[in-house]
Amino acid sequence: MQVLGSNELVEDVLKRDFCIGCGACVNLCPYFKSYHGKTAMLFPCTLEQGQCFAYCPKVEVDFDELSSTLLGRPYVASELGDHHEVLISRAGDEAEQGLFQAGGTVSALVSFALKTGQIDAAALTDREGVIPVPRLVTDPEEVLKCASSKFTAAPTLSVLNQGRRDGYKSIGVVGTPCQVMAVAQMRLNPLGKENFQDAAGLVIGLFCTWAVDTRRLSALLSERLDAGGIRKMDMPPPPSELLVIDTGQGKVEIPLDEIRPLVPTGCQICPDMTSEWADVSVGVLEGRPDWNTLIIRTDKGRELIEGATKKGLLVTEPIPEKNLSALRTASMNKKKRALAQARDRRVLNRNEDGNRSALRIANETLEKILE
C-alpha cells in the first residue's frame, strides 16, 4: 500500500468529491472533522504519511493486498466475496424487541456480543431527525436505540477511532461496505507500528447499493415533512422505486428518481455491495420483509452466529435459491458498474506519470469482472 499524507488525501478524495463521510479520518488528529455528513480538513498538516490516507476507502485501495493479508490469497472475481455460508435470519424470541429494520439480525448480534464480552464496545449509527450520529455503545440495552437504516453517509468510524484512543480493546463495528473496507485497511497496520493492536473485535457489514448525501436529503425532506418526527426509513425492493418515510403519523413516499441525484460521487466507484471484508454481512431479504439475508464470512462470524442461535437470540434458515441467485446478480452488477465508472474516471489502476488510483485490482481479475 502506498501511504501518503493529508495533503494528498485532500487532493485525491475531497477535491475529487469522492469522500463519502465514513469517519475513518476523524478523531485520529485535530485536523479532520465531520459535520452533517461532510468531512473537512480544518488546519494544514505537514506529515508525509498519515493514518487518514492509509485508512481511507477511496484512495489507493489494493484489493490483492487486502485479500492476501486478511485471507491468505489474492482477490478473486466472485459475486459475494469470500464466505462460508449464506442463510436467512431474524431476531429470536429471546432477543430484545424494537423498531428493527427487517429481521433485527444486527441488533440481536451486537447485543449478544456485548453481553457475552466478545466486544467491550460497539461503534453504531444513531439518528437525530435525518442526520446520522455515530455512537460508541457499551450497554446492550442501548443497541436498540440505533436500530433501523439511515440511508445517509455516516461518520461511524470516528467513534471507532475515539474508542481506540479511550482504551477499548475489542470494539464491534456495524458499517456499510466503504466503512468495512476502511476497517480492513486499518487491520493491515499500514504504517507498520510495532505496538499495533487490532481494536476491531467484530465487524458486521451491511448491504449497500448507495448512500445519500445528508445535507441534500435534509434540504429535500424539509420541504415535505418535519424531519424530527421521522421514526423509520425504508426502500422496499423493486418494483416499488420509492423511499418510504414513517413519521409516526403516516407515511411519506418519495420516488427514487428524486433520491438518486443525491448520491455522492464516491458511491459510484464502490464495487462492494455486501461488505466483503466483514465477519458477517446482513441485508434485506426480498419478499420477506421480516427476515434478513445473512452471509457468514469468517470463523469469528460463524462462532457469533452459532452462539446467538443457541441462546435463542437468532433464528436462521437456508436461503431460497431464487433469493441467492438474485443477490449474486445484483452484487456482480454493482461491481461491473463501479469498476467501469472508476476506469472511465481514470482512477482505476493508475500508474503513469505518478498518478494515484482510488482502486487497484489485478488486470486478470478485472477482466473477469467486466467481461
Protein backbone atom coordinates (compact mmCIF):
# COMPACT_ATOMS: atom_id res chain seq x y z
CA MET A 1 0.00 0.00 0.00
CA GLN A 2 1.27 3.45 -0.90
CA VAL A 3 0.76 5.63 2.18
CA LEU A 4 0.95 9.40 1.84
CA GLY A 5 -0.32 12.29 3.93
CA SER A 6 -3.32 14.50 4.44
CA ASN A 7 -2.48 16.88 1.60
CA GLU A 8 -2.64 14.02 -0.90
CA LEU A 9 -5.86 12.82 0.74
CA VAL A 10 -7.41 16.23 0.19
CA GLU A 11 -6.27 16.27 -3.45
CA ASP A 12 -7.32 12.71 -4.28
CA VAL A 13 -10.54 12.41 -2.29
CA LEU A 14 -12.03 15.68 -1.06
CA LYS A 15 -11.30 17.72 -4.17
CA ARG A 16 -12.46 14.88 -6.45
CA ASP A 17 -15.71 14.74 -4.47
CA PHE A 18 -15.06 11.06 -3.67
CA CYS A 19 -15.44 11.41 0.11
CA ILE A 20 -18.43 9.51 1.46
CA GLY A 21 -18.06 10.73 5.05
CA CYS A 22 -17.27 7.33 6.60
CA GLY A 23 -15.35 8.89 9.52
CA ALA A 24 -12.15 6.87 9.05
CA CYS A 25 -10.04 10.04 9.11
CA VAL A 26 -11.88 11.68 12.02
CA ASN A 27 -10.69 11.55 15.65
CA LEU A 28 -7.20 10.48 14.59
CA CYS A 29 -5.86 14.02 14.96
CA PRO A 30 -7.26 17.55 15.37
CA TYR A 31 -7.27 18.28 11.64
CA PHE A 32 -10.22 16.38 10.12
CA LYS A 33 -13.77 16.92 11.34
CA SER A 34 -17.20 15.77 10.19
CA TYR A 35 -20.37 17.84 10.30
CA HIS A 36 -23.75 16.80 8.93
CA GLY A 37 -22.25 14.22 6.61
CA LYS A 38 -19.38 16.36 5.30
CA THR A 39 -15.71 15.88 6.15
CA ALA A 40 -13.33 18.83 6.08
CA MET A 41 -9.67 19.49 6.89
CA LEU A 42 -9.54 22.37 9.35
CA PHE A 43 -5.80 23.03 9.54
CA PRO A 44 -2.78 22.22 7.36
CA CYS A 45 -0.66 19.19 8.24
CA THR A 46 2.93 18.57 7.16
CA LEU A 47 3.18 14.82 7.85
CA GLU A 48 4.32 12.91 4.77
CA GLN A 49 2.42 9.80 5.88
CA GLY A 50 -0.80 9.66 7.85
CA GLN A 51 -3.41 7.26 9.13
CA CYS A 52 -6.02 9.42 7.41
CA PHE A 53 -4.63 8.49 3.98
CA ALA A 54 -3.87 4.90 4.94
CA TYR A 55 -7.40 4.14 6.19
CA CYS A 56 -9.44 5.97 3.54
CA PRO A 57 -11.52 3.60 1.38
CA LYS A 58 -11.35 5.95 -1.62
CA VAL A 59 -7.62 6.18 -2.33
CA GLU A 60 -5.01 3.54 -3.18
CA VAL A 61 -7.16 0.60 -2.05
CA ASP A 62 -5.32 -2.54 -3.23
CA PHE A 63 -7.70 -5.50 -3.27
CA ASP A 64 -4.95 -8.08 -3.68
CA GLU A 65 -3.11 -6.68 -0.67
CA LEU A 66 -6.27 -6.73 1.44
CA SER A 67 -7.14 -10.28 0.41
CA SER A 68 -3.61 -11.65 0.71
CA THR A 69 -3.16 -10.18 4.19
CA LEU A 70 -6.60 -10.97 5.60
CA LEU A 71 -7.46 -14.17 3.72
CA GLY A 72 -4.08 -15.54 2.63
CA ARG A 73 -4.77 -15.44 -1.11
CA PRO A 74 -5.20 -12.92 -3.93
CA TYR A 75 -8.55 -11.27 -4.58
CA VAL A 76 -10.87 -13.26 -6.84
CA ALA A 77 -13.73 -12.17 -9.07
CA SER A 78 -16.59 -13.65 -7.04
CA GLU A 79 -20.01 -12.08 -6.69
CA LEU A 80 -20.24 -12.08 -2.88
CA GLY A 81 -16.62 -12.19 -1.80
CA ASP A 82 -15.08 -14.83 0.44
CA HIS A 83 -17.66 -16.55 2.69
CA HIS A 84 -18.58 -19.78 4.44
CA GLU A 85 -22.36 -19.79 4.07
CA VAL A 86 -25.39 -17.70 3.09
CA LEU A 87 -28.54 -18.01 5.21
CA ILE A 88 -31.61 -16.00 6.12
CA SER A 89 -32.12 -14.85 9.70
CA ARG A 90 -34.19 -12.85 12.16
CA ALA A 91 -34.03 -11.94 15.82
CA GLY A 92 -35.19 -14.83 18.01
CA ASP A 93 -37.80 -14.87 20.77
CA GLU A 94 -35.14 -14.23 23.43
CA ALA A 95 -33.88 -11.07 21.74
CA GLU A 96 -34.93 -7.60 22.80
CA GLN A 97 -37.71 -6.35 20.54
CA GLY A 98 -37.63 -2.91 18.94
CA LEU A 99 -38.14 -0.87 15.79
CA PHE A 100 -35.98 -3.16 13.66
CA GLN A 101 -35.06 -2.75 10.03
CA ALA A 102 -36.24 -6.05 8.54
CA GLY A 103 -35.47 -9.02 10.81
CA GLY A 104 -33.45 -7.34 13.55
CA THR A 105 -30.43 -9.57 12.98
CA VAL A 106 -27.83 -6.83 13.50
CA SER A 107 -29.29 -5.61 16.80
CA ALA A 108 -29.54 -9.17 18.12
CA LEU A 109 -25.92 -9.95 17.22
CA VAL A 110 -24.46 -6.74 18.65
CA SER A 111 -26.40 -7.13 21.91
CA PHE A 112 -25.25 -10.75 22.20
CA ALA A 113 -21.60 -9.84 21.55
CA LEU A 114 -21.72 -7.14 24.26
CA LYS A 115 -23.48 -9.37 26.79
CA THR A 116 -21.01 -12.21 26.33
CA GLY A 117 -17.92 -9.98 26.39
CA GLN A 118 -16.88 -10.73 22.82
CA ILE A 119 -16.67 -6.98 22.40
CA ASP A 120 -16.36 -4.26 25.04
CA ALA A 121 -17.99 -1.52 22.95
CA ALA A 122 -19.77 -1.10 19.63
CA ALA A 123 -19.46 1.64 17.01
CA LEU A 124 -23.03 2.19 15.81
CA THR A 125 -25.05 4.84 13.98
CA ASP A 126 -27.93 6.66 15.65
CA ARG A 127 -30.04 9.36 14.05
CA GLU A 128 -31.29 12.83 15.01
CA GLY A 129 -34.00 13.60 12.51
CA VAL A 130 -32.34 12.74 9.23
CA ILE A 131 -28.80 13.44 10.50
CA PRO A 132 -26.76 10.28 11.22
CA VAL A 133 -24.96 10.39 14.56
CA PRO A 134 -22.14 7.97 15.49
CA ARG A 135 -22.43 6.36 18.93
CA LEU A 136 -19.97 4.27 20.93
CA VAL A 137 -22.24 1.94 22.88
CA THR A 138 -21.19 -0.23 25.83
CA ASP A 139 -24.60 -1.16 27.27
CA PRO A 140 -26.53 -3.88 25.37
CA GLU A 141 -29.78 -2.08 26.20
CA GLU A 142 -28.58 0.94 24.22
CA VAL A 143 -28.22 -1.04 21.00
CA LEU A 144 -31.89 -0.86 20.04
CA LYS A 145 -31.75 2.94 20.05
CA CYS A 146 -29.53 2.69 16.98
CA ALA A 147 -31.69 0.15 15.12
CA SER A 148 -33.11 0.82 11.63
CA SER A 149 -31.45 2.04 8.46
CA LYS A 150 -30.42 5.65 7.87
CA PHE A 151 -29.63 5.64 4.12
CA THR A 152 -27.29 8.61 4.59
CA ALA A 153 -23.50 8.72 4.68
CA ALA A 154 -22.45 8.49 8.34
CA PRO A 155 -19.09 9.13 10.11
CA THR A 156 -19.46 5.96 12.18
CA LEU A 157 -15.75 5.16 12.17
CA SER A 158 -14.98 8.35 14.05
CA VAL A 159 -16.19 6.65 17.23
CA LEU A 160 -14.12 3.55 16.45
CA ASN A 161 -11.07 5.82 16.37
CA GLN A 162 -12.18 7.53 19.57
CA GLY A 163 -12.81 4.18 21.24
CA ARG A 164 -9.29 3.03 20.41
CA ARG A 165 -7.89 6.23 21.94
CA ASP A 166 -10.04 5.71 25.04
CA GLY A 167 -8.55 2.27 25.60
CA TYR A 168 -11.24 -0.13 24.39
CA LYS A 169 -9.56 -3.30 23.16
CA SER A 170 -12.32 -5.09 21.24
CA ILE A 171 -14.81 -2.80 19.50
CA GLY A 172 -17.64 -4.11 17.39
CA VAL A 173 -18.30 -2.15 14.20
CA VAL A 174 -21.53 -2.05 12.23
CA GLY A 175 -20.89 -0.37 8.91
CA THR A 176 -21.55 -0.09 5.22
CA PRO A 177 -19.15 -1.58 2.65
CA CYS A 178 -16.98 1.55 2.44
CA GLN A 179 -16.68 1.65 6.23
CA VAL A 180 -15.91 -2.05 6.41
CA MET A 181 -13.24 -1.57 3.73
CA ALA A 182 -11.68 1.20 5.83
CA VAL A 183 -11.60 -1.12 8.85
CA ALA A 184 -9.92 -3.78 6.71
CA GLN A 185 -7.25 -1.24 5.78
CA MET A 186 -6.75 -0.40 9.45
CA ARG A 187 -6.16 -4.11 10.12
CA LEU A 188 -3.24 -4.13 7.69
CA ASN A 189 -1.22 -1.94 10.08
CA PRO A 190 -0.30 0.20 7.06
CA LEU A 191 2.15 2.41 8.98
CA GLY A 192 3.98 -0.60 10.38
CA LYS A 193 3.59 0.31 14.04
CA GLU A 194 5.42 -2.07 16.38
CA ASN A 195 2.77 -1.75 19.11
CA PHE A 196 -0.14 -2.19 16.68
CA GLN A 197 -3.30 -3.75 18.10
CA ASP A 198 -6.39 -4.53 16.03
CA ALA A 199 -9.17 -2.96 18.08
CA ALA A 200 -11.95 -4.08 15.72
CA GLY A 201 -13.11 -7.14 17.63
CA LEU A 202 -16.09 -7.84 15.39
CA VAL A 203 -17.18 -6.38 12.05
CA ILE A 204 -20.80 -6.63 10.93
CA GLY A 205 -21.24 -5.34 7.41
CA LEU A 206 -24.44 -4.02 5.90
CA PHE A 207 -25.57 -4.46 2.31
CA CYS A 208 -25.50 -1.14 0.47
CA THR A 209 -26.02 -0.10 -3.12
CA TRP A 210 -25.51 3.59 -2.34
CA ALA A 211 -26.00 6.14 0.41
CA VAL A 212 -27.41 9.66 0.17
CA ASP A 213 -25.74 12.99 0.87
CA THR A 214 -27.03 14.05 4.29
CA ARG A 215 -27.28 17.78 3.65
CA ARG A 216 -29.02 17.40 0.31
CA LEU A 217 -31.51 14.89 1.71
CA SER A 218 -32.22 17.21 4.64
CA ALA A 219 -33.00 20.03 2.21
CA LEU A 220 -35.31 17.81 0.18
CA LEU A 221 -37.20 16.47 3.19
CA SER A 222 -37.55 19.88 4.83
CA GLU A 223 -39.93 20.81 2.03
CA ARG A 224 -42.24 17.87 2.76
CA LEU A 225 -42.15 16.87 6.43
CA ASP A 226 -40.81 17.52 9.91
CA ALA A 227 -37.52 15.58 9.96
CA GLY A 228 -37.62 15.48 13.75
CA GLY A 229 -40.65 13.20 13.59
CA ILE A 230 -39.06 10.51 11.42
CA ARG A 231 -39.40 7.06 13.01
CA LYS A 232 -38.11 4.89 10.20
CA MET A 233 -36.97 5.00 6.58
CA ASP A 234 -37.14 2.13 4.11
CA MET A 235 -36.59 1.35 0.45
CA PRO A 236 -38.87 -1.56 -0.43
CA PRO A 237 -37.49 -3.95 -3.06
CA PRO A 238 -38.27 -3.44 -6.76
CA PRO A 239 -40.53 -2.58 -8.42
CA SER A 240 -41.51 -0.01 -5.76
CA GLU A 241 -38.82 2.61 -6.66
CA LEU A 242 -39.65 4.57 -3.50
CA LEU A 243 -38.09 5.91 -0.32
CA VAL A 244 -40.77 5.40 2.32
CA ILE A 245 -40.57 7.56 5.45
CA ASP A 246 -42.62 6.66 8.52
CA THR A 247 -43.33 9.77 10.58
CA GLY A 248 -45.49 8.05 13.18
CA GLN A 249 -48.47 9.98 11.86
CA GLY A 250 -48.39 8.49 8.40
CA LYS A 251 -46.00 7.58 5.61
CA VAL A 252 -44.41 9.85 3.05
CA GLU A 253 -43.31 8.29 -0.24
CA ILE A 254 -40.60 9.89 -2.38
CA PRO A 255 -39.75 8.49 -5.84
CA LEU A 256 -36.18 7.22 -6.12
CA ASP A 257 -35.80 9.36 -9.23
CA GLU A 258 -35.65 12.29 -6.79
CA ILE A 259 -33.27 10.48 -4.42
CA ARG A 260 -30.64 9.12 -6.82
CA PRO A 261 -29.30 12.58 -7.77
CA LEU A 262 -28.39 12.98 -4.07
CA VAL A 263 -25.97 10.01 -4.13
CA PRO A 264 -22.32 11.08 -3.56
CA THR A 265 -19.86 10.58 -6.40
CA GLY A 266 -17.79 8.27 -4.20
CA CYS A 267 -20.62 5.73 -4.09
CA GLN A 268 -20.48 5.40 -7.86
CA ILE A 269 -16.99 3.85 -7.76
CA CYS A 270 -17.65 1.46 -4.85
CA PRO A 271 -17.62 -2.15 -6.18
CA ASP A 272 -18.80 -3.79 -2.96
CA MET A 273 -22.50 -4.32 -2.26
CA THR A 274 -22.30 -6.94 0.52
CA SER A 275 -19.43 -5.74 2.78
CA GLU A 276 -16.97 -8.39 1.68
CA TRP A 277 -14.37 -7.63 4.36
CA ALA A 278 -16.72 -8.16 7.34
CA ASP A 279 -17.04 -11.12 9.71
CA VAL A 280 -20.74 -11.37 8.85
CA SER A 281 -22.81 -9.34 6.39
CA VAL A 282 -26.51 -8.55 6.73
CA GLY A 283 -29.08 -7.20 4.28
CA VAL A 284 -32.77 -7.27 3.48
CA LEU A 285 -34.48 -10.39 2.14
CA GLU A 286 -36.61 -9.64 -0.88
CA GLY A 287 -40.17 -10.90 -0.49
CA ARG A 288 -39.90 -11.46 3.28
CA PRO A 289 -39.57 -8.05 4.97
CA ASP A 290 -39.36 -9.53 8.49
CA TRP A 291 -36.20 -11.53 7.67
CA ASN A 292 -32.62 -10.68 6.73
CA THR A 293 -30.10 -12.16 4.35
CA LEU A 294 -27.04 -13.29 6.35
CA ILE A 295 -23.57 -14.02 4.94
CA ILE A 296 -21.16 -15.76 7.30
CA ARG A 297 -17.62 -14.90 6.20
CA THR A 298 -15.11 -15.78 8.93
CA ASP A 299 -14.66 -18.30 11.73
CA LYS A 300 -15.31 -15.48 14.20
CA GLY A 301 -18.56 -14.74 12.39
CA ARG A 302 -19.63 -18.38 12.48
CA GLU A 303 -18.96 -18.63 16.22
CA LEU A 304 -21.04 -15.49 16.76
CA ILE A 305 -23.99 -16.88 14.79
CA GLU A 306 -23.84 -20.28 16.49
CA GLY A 307 -23.69 -18.71 19.94
CA ALA A 308 -26.59 -16.33 19.31
CA THR A 309 -28.67 -19.13 17.85
CA LYS A 310 -28.09 -21.43 20.84
CA LYS A 311 -29.24 -18.66 23.19
CA GLY A 312 -32.44 -18.13 21.22
CA LEU A 313 -31.39 -14.64 20.14
CA LEU A 314 -31.26 -15.56 16.46
CA VAL A 315 -33.17 -17.84 14.11
CA THR A 316 -31.66 -18.97 10.81
CA GLU A 317 -32.89 -20.91 7.79
CA PRO A 318 -31.37 -21.87 4.43
CA ILE A 319 -31.70 -19.12 1.86
CA PRO A 320 -34.10 -19.84 -1.03
CA GLU A 321 -32.19 -20.38 -4.26
CA LYS A 322 -34.07 -17.63 -6.11
CA ASN A 323 -33.02 -15.09 -3.45
CA LEU A 324 -29.41 -16.24 -3.54
CA SER A 325 -29.34 -16.05 -7.34
CA ALA A 326 -30.81 -12.54 -7.31
CA LEU A 327 -28.27 -11.44 -4.68
CA ARG A 328 -25.35 -12.76 -6.69
CA THR A 329 -26.58 -10.99 -9.81
CA ALA A 330 -27.18 -7.66 -8.06
CA SER A 331 -23.79 -7.76 -6.35
CA MET A 332 -21.88 -8.54 -9.54
CA ASN A 333 -23.78 -5.86 -11.42
CA LYS A 334 -22.62 -3.31 -8.83
CA LYS A 335 -19.02 -4.46 -9.27
CA LYS A 336 -19.26 -4.04 -13.02
CA ARG A 337 -20.85 -0.59 -12.83
CA ALA A 338 -18.45 0.74 -10.20
CA LEU A 339 -15.26 -0.54 -11.81
CA ALA A 340 -16.36 0.74 -15.21
CA GLN A 341 -17.01 4.14 -13.58
CA ALA A 342 -13.61 4.12 -11.88
CA ARG A 343 -11.92 3.23 -15.17
CA ASP A 344 -13.79 5.95 -17.05
CA ARG A 345 -12.87 8.49 -14.36
CA ARG A 346 -9.23 7.39 -14.66
CA VAL A 347 -8.87 6.38 -11.01
CA LEU A 348 -8.53 2.61 -11.51
CA ASN A 349 -5.04 1.04 -11.58
CA ARG A 350 -3.31 4.33 -12.41
CA ASN A 351 0.48 4.31 -12.62
CA GLU A 352 1.66 6.55 -15.43
CA ASP A 353 3.21 9.90 -14.57
CA GLY A 354 2.92 9.14 -10.86
CA ASN A 355 -0.87 9.39 -10.88
CA ARG A 356 -2.50 7.72 -7.91
CA SER A 357 -5.57 5.49 -8.05
CA ALA A 358 -8.69 5.11 -5.99
CA LEU A 359 -8.79 1.34 -6.54
CA ARG A 360 -6.29 -1.30 -7.60
CA ILE A 361 -7.41 -4.70 -8.87
CA ALA A 362 -5.23 -7.15 -10.80
CA ASN A 363 -5.87 -6.82 -14.54
CA GLU A 364 -6.74 -10.50 -14.95
CA THR A 365 -9.33 -10.28 -12.16
CA LEU A 366 -10.65 -7.01 -13.55
CA GLU A 367 -11.17 -8.54 -16.98
CA LYS A 368 -13.18 -11.40 -15.47
CA ILE A 369 -15.47 -8.96 -13.65
CA LEU A 370 -16.01 -6.67 -16.63
CA GLU A 371 -16.42 -9.38 -19.26
